[in-house]
N, C-alpha and C. Protein backbone atom coordinates (compact mmCIF):
# COMPACT_ATOMS: atom_id res chain seq x y z
N UNK A 1 0.84 -1.18 0.00
CA UNK A 1 0.00 0.00 0.00
C UNK A 1 0.89 1.24 0.00
N UNK A 2 0.58 2.16 -0.88
CA UNK A 2 1.30 3.42 -0.87
C UNK A 2 0.54 4.41 0.00
N UNK A 3 1.27 5.39 0.47
CA UNK A 3 0.65 6.40 1.33
C UNK A 3 0.85 7.76 0.69
N UNK A 4 -0.15 8.60 0.78
CA UNK A 4 -0.07 9.95 0.26
C UNK A 4 0.01 10.93 1.41
N UNK A 5 0.72 12.00 1.20
CA UNK A 5 0.83 13.03 2.23
C UNK A 5 -0.15 14.15 1.90
N UNK A 6 -0.88 14.58 2.92
CA UNK A 6 -1.82 15.69 2.77
C UNK A 6 -1.35 16.84 3.63
N UNK A 7 -1.49 18.04 3.13
CA UNK A 7 -1.15 19.23 3.89
C UNK A 7 -2.46 19.82 4.40
N UNK A 8 -2.60 19.90 5.70
CA UNK A 8 -3.85 20.34 6.30
C UNK A 8 -3.59 21.56 7.18
N UNK A 9 -4.30 22.62 6.95
CA UNK A 9 -4.18 23.81 7.78
C UNK A 9 -5.39 23.89 8.69
N UNK A 10 -5.12 24.14 9.97
CA UNK A 10 -6.20 24.19 10.95
C UNK A 10 -6.07 25.46 11.78
N UNK A 11 -7.16 25.84 12.42
CA UNK A 11 -7.14 27.00 13.31
C UNK A 11 -6.37 26.65 14.58
N UNK A 12 -5.99 27.65 15.33
CA UNK A 12 -5.30 27.42 16.61
C UNK A 12 -6.20 26.65 17.57
N UNK A 13 -7.50 26.93 17.52
CA UNK A 13 -8.45 26.23 18.38
C UNK A 13 -8.47 24.73 18.07
N UNK A 14 -8.51 24.39 16.79
CA UNK A 14 -8.51 22.98 16.40
C UNK A 14 -7.17 22.33 16.72
N UNK A 15 -6.10 23.06 16.55
CA UNK A 15 -4.77 22.54 16.90
C UNK A 15 -4.69 22.20 18.39
N UNK A 16 -5.22 23.08 19.23
CA UNK A 16 -5.24 22.81 20.68
C UNK A 16 -6.09 21.59 21.01
N UNK A 17 -7.23 21.46 20.34
CA UNK A 17 -8.11 20.31 20.58
C UNK A 17 -7.43 19.01 20.16
N UNK A 18 -6.69 19.03 19.06
CA UNK A 18 -5.96 17.84 18.61
C UNK A 18 -4.89 17.47 19.63
N UNK A 19 -4.17 18.47 20.13
CA UNK A 19 -3.13 18.21 21.12
C UNK A 19 -3.71 17.69 22.43
N UNK A 20 -4.86 18.19 22.82
CA UNK A 20 -5.53 17.68 24.03
C UNK A 20 -5.93 16.22 23.83
N UNK A 21 -6.42 15.89 22.64
CA UNK A 21 -6.81 14.51 22.33
C UNK A 21 -5.58 13.60 22.33
N UNK A 22 -4.44 14.09 21.87
CA UNK A 22 -3.21 13.30 21.89
C UNK A 22 -2.88 12.87 23.31
N UNK A 23 -2.97 13.81 24.25
CA UNK A 23 -2.67 13.51 25.65
C UNK A 23 -3.70 12.52 26.21
N UNK A 24 -4.95 12.72 25.86
CA UNK A 24 -6.03 11.83 26.31
C UNK A 24 -5.82 10.40 25.81
N UNK A 25 -5.37 10.26 24.57
CA UNK A 25 -5.19 8.94 23.97
C UNK A 25 -3.99 8.19 24.53
N UNK A 26 -3.12 8.89 25.20
CA UNK A 26 -1.93 8.23 25.76
C UNK A 26 -2.32 7.08 26.68
N UNK A 27 -3.37 7.26 27.46
CA UNK A 27 -3.80 6.22 28.40
C UNK A 27 -4.19 4.93 27.68
N UNK A 28 -4.87 5.04 26.56
CA UNK A 28 -5.33 3.83 25.87
C UNK A 28 -4.32 3.29 24.86
N UNK A 29 -3.44 4.15 24.33
CA UNK A 29 -2.48 3.69 23.33
C UNK A 29 -1.11 3.37 23.91
N UNK A 30 -0.83 3.84 25.10
CA UNK A 30 0.46 3.57 25.73
C UNK A 30 1.54 4.58 25.44
N UNK A 31 1.31 5.45 24.48
CA UNK A 31 2.23 6.54 24.17
C UNK A 31 1.42 7.67 23.54
N UNK A 32 2.02 8.83 23.48
CA UNK A 32 1.32 9.97 22.89
C UNK A 32 1.39 9.84 21.37
N UNK A 33 0.24 9.74 20.71
CA UNK A 33 0.25 9.62 19.25
C UNK A 33 0.61 10.96 18.59
N UNK A 34 1.08 10.88 17.37
CA UNK A 34 1.38 12.10 16.62
C UNK A 34 0.07 12.78 16.21
N UNK A 35 0.18 14.00 15.79
CA UNK A 35 -1.00 14.70 15.27
C UNK A 35 -1.56 13.95 14.06
N UNK A 36 -0.67 13.45 13.21
CA UNK A 36 -1.11 12.69 12.04
C UNK A 36 -1.90 11.45 12.43
N UNK A 37 -1.43 10.76 13.46
CA UNK A 37 -2.15 9.57 13.92
C UNK A 37 -3.54 9.92 14.42
N UNK A 38 -3.64 11.03 15.17
CA UNK A 38 -4.94 11.46 15.67
C UNK A 38 -5.86 11.80 14.51
N UNK A 39 -5.35 12.48 13.51
CA UNK A 39 -6.18 12.84 12.36
C UNK A 39 -6.59 11.61 11.57
N UNK A 40 -5.71 10.62 11.43
CA UNK A 40 -6.10 9.37 10.74
C UNK A 40 -7.22 8.67 11.50
N UNK A 41 -7.09 8.60 12.83
CA UNK A 41 -8.14 7.98 13.64
C UNK A 41 -9.47 8.72 13.50
N UNK A 42 -9.40 10.05 13.53
CA UNK A 42 -10.63 10.85 13.42
C UNK A 42 -11.27 10.68 12.05
N UNK A 43 -10.46 10.70 11.00
CA UNK A 43 -11.01 10.52 9.65
C UNK A 43 -11.61 9.13 9.47
N UNK A 44 -10.95 8.13 10.00
CA UNK A 44 -11.48 6.76 9.89
C UNK A 44 -12.82 6.65 10.59
N UNK A 45 -12.93 7.24 11.79
CA UNK A 45 -14.19 7.21 12.52
C UNK A 45 -15.28 7.96 11.75
N UNK A 46 -14.95 9.10 11.21
CA UNK A 46 -15.90 9.92 10.46
C UNK A 46 -16.37 9.19 9.20
N UNK A 47 -15.45 8.50 8.53
CA UNK A 47 -15.77 7.82 7.29
C UNK A 47 -16.26 6.40 7.50
N UNK A 48 -16.27 5.94 8.74
CA UNK A 48 -16.74 4.59 9.04
C UNK A 48 -15.81 3.51 8.52
N UNK A 49 -14.51 3.76 8.61
CA UNK A 49 -13.51 2.81 8.10
C UNK A 49 -12.71 2.22 9.25
N UNK A 50 -12.12 1.06 9.01
CA UNK A 50 -11.18 0.46 9.94
C UNK A 50 -9.77 0.63 9.38
N UNK A 51 -8.85 1.01 10.22
CA UNK A 51 -7.47 1.21 9.79
C UNK A 51 -6.59 0.00 10.08
N UNK A 52 -7.17 -1.05 10.62
CA UNK A 52 -6.38 -2.21 11.04
C UNK A 52 -5.51 -2.77 9.91
N UNK A 53 -6.05 -2.94 8.75
CA UNK A 53 -5.30 -3.59 7.66
C UNK A 53 -4.59 -2.61 6.74
N UNK A 54 -5.10 -1.40 6.63
CA UNK A 54 -4.56 -0.49 5.62
C UNK A 54 -3.58 0.54 6.15
N UNK A 55 -3.59 0.83 7.43
CA UNK A 55 -2.76 1.91 7.95
C UNK A 55 -1.69 1.41 8.90
N UNK A 56 -0.88 0.48 8.45
CA UNK A 56 0.23 0.02 9.27
C UNK A 56 1.28 1.11 9.24
N UNK A 57 1.71 1.54 10.41
CA UNK A 57 2.71 2.60 10.48
C UNK A 57 4.07 1.99 10.17
N UNK A 58 4.67 2.45 9.09
CA UNK A 58 5.93 1.87 8.65
C UNK A 58 7.16 2.59 9.21
N UNK A 59 6.96 3.59 10.04
CA UNK A 59 8.11 4.29 10.60
C UNK A 59 8.84 3.38 11.58
N UNK A 60 10.13 3.51 11.62
CA UNK A 60 10.92 2.75 12.58
C UNK A 60 11.02 3.54 13.87
N UNK A 61 10.60 2.93 14.94
CA UNK A 61 10.66 3.60 16.23
C UNK A 61 11.65 2.90 17.15
N UNK A 62 12.56 2.14 16.52
CA UNK A 62 13.54 1.45 17.34
C UNK A 62 14.59 2.43 17.81
N UNK A 63 15.21 2.09 18.90
CA UNK A 63 16.24 2.95 19.46
C UNK A 63 17.56 2.77 18.74
N UNK A 64 18.57 3.54 19.13
CA UNK A 64 19.87 3.49 18.44
C UNK A 64 20.54 2.14 18.54
N UNK A 65 20.29 1.38 19.59
CA UNK A 65 20.91 0.07 19.75
C UNK A 65 20.46 -0.87 18.64
N UNK A 66 19.17 -0.93 18.36
CA UNK A 66 18.66 -1.81 17.31
C UNK A 66 19.07 -1.32 15.93
N UNK A 67 19.15 0.00 15.74
CA UNK A 67 19.55 0.52 14.43
C UNK A 67 21.00 0.13 14.12
N UNK A 68 21.87 0.12 15.13
CA UNK A 68 23.27 -0.25 14.92
C UNK A 68 23.40 -1.72 14.56
N UNK A 69 22.48 -2.54 15.01
CA UNK A 69 22.55 -3.98 14.76
C UNK A 69 22.20 -4.34 13.33
N UNK A 70 21.61 -3.45 12.59
CA UNK A 70 21.18 -3.74 11.21
C UNK A 70 22.32 -3.95 10.29
């Protein structure tokens, strides 16, 4: 699956609300999600879609120890 990048401009009020939601989601996700992750979750809910199969995050979040082992 390829991924496309979208540029989204939001008001300061919406930006604050997204950041508040990021902190709120930390309890259920185990870490603070990025703004992009929050927006993907919100869009999926709005569109009635599941992201389980299509939105695998391909970023490497391994620490420097694992990167050196490659």
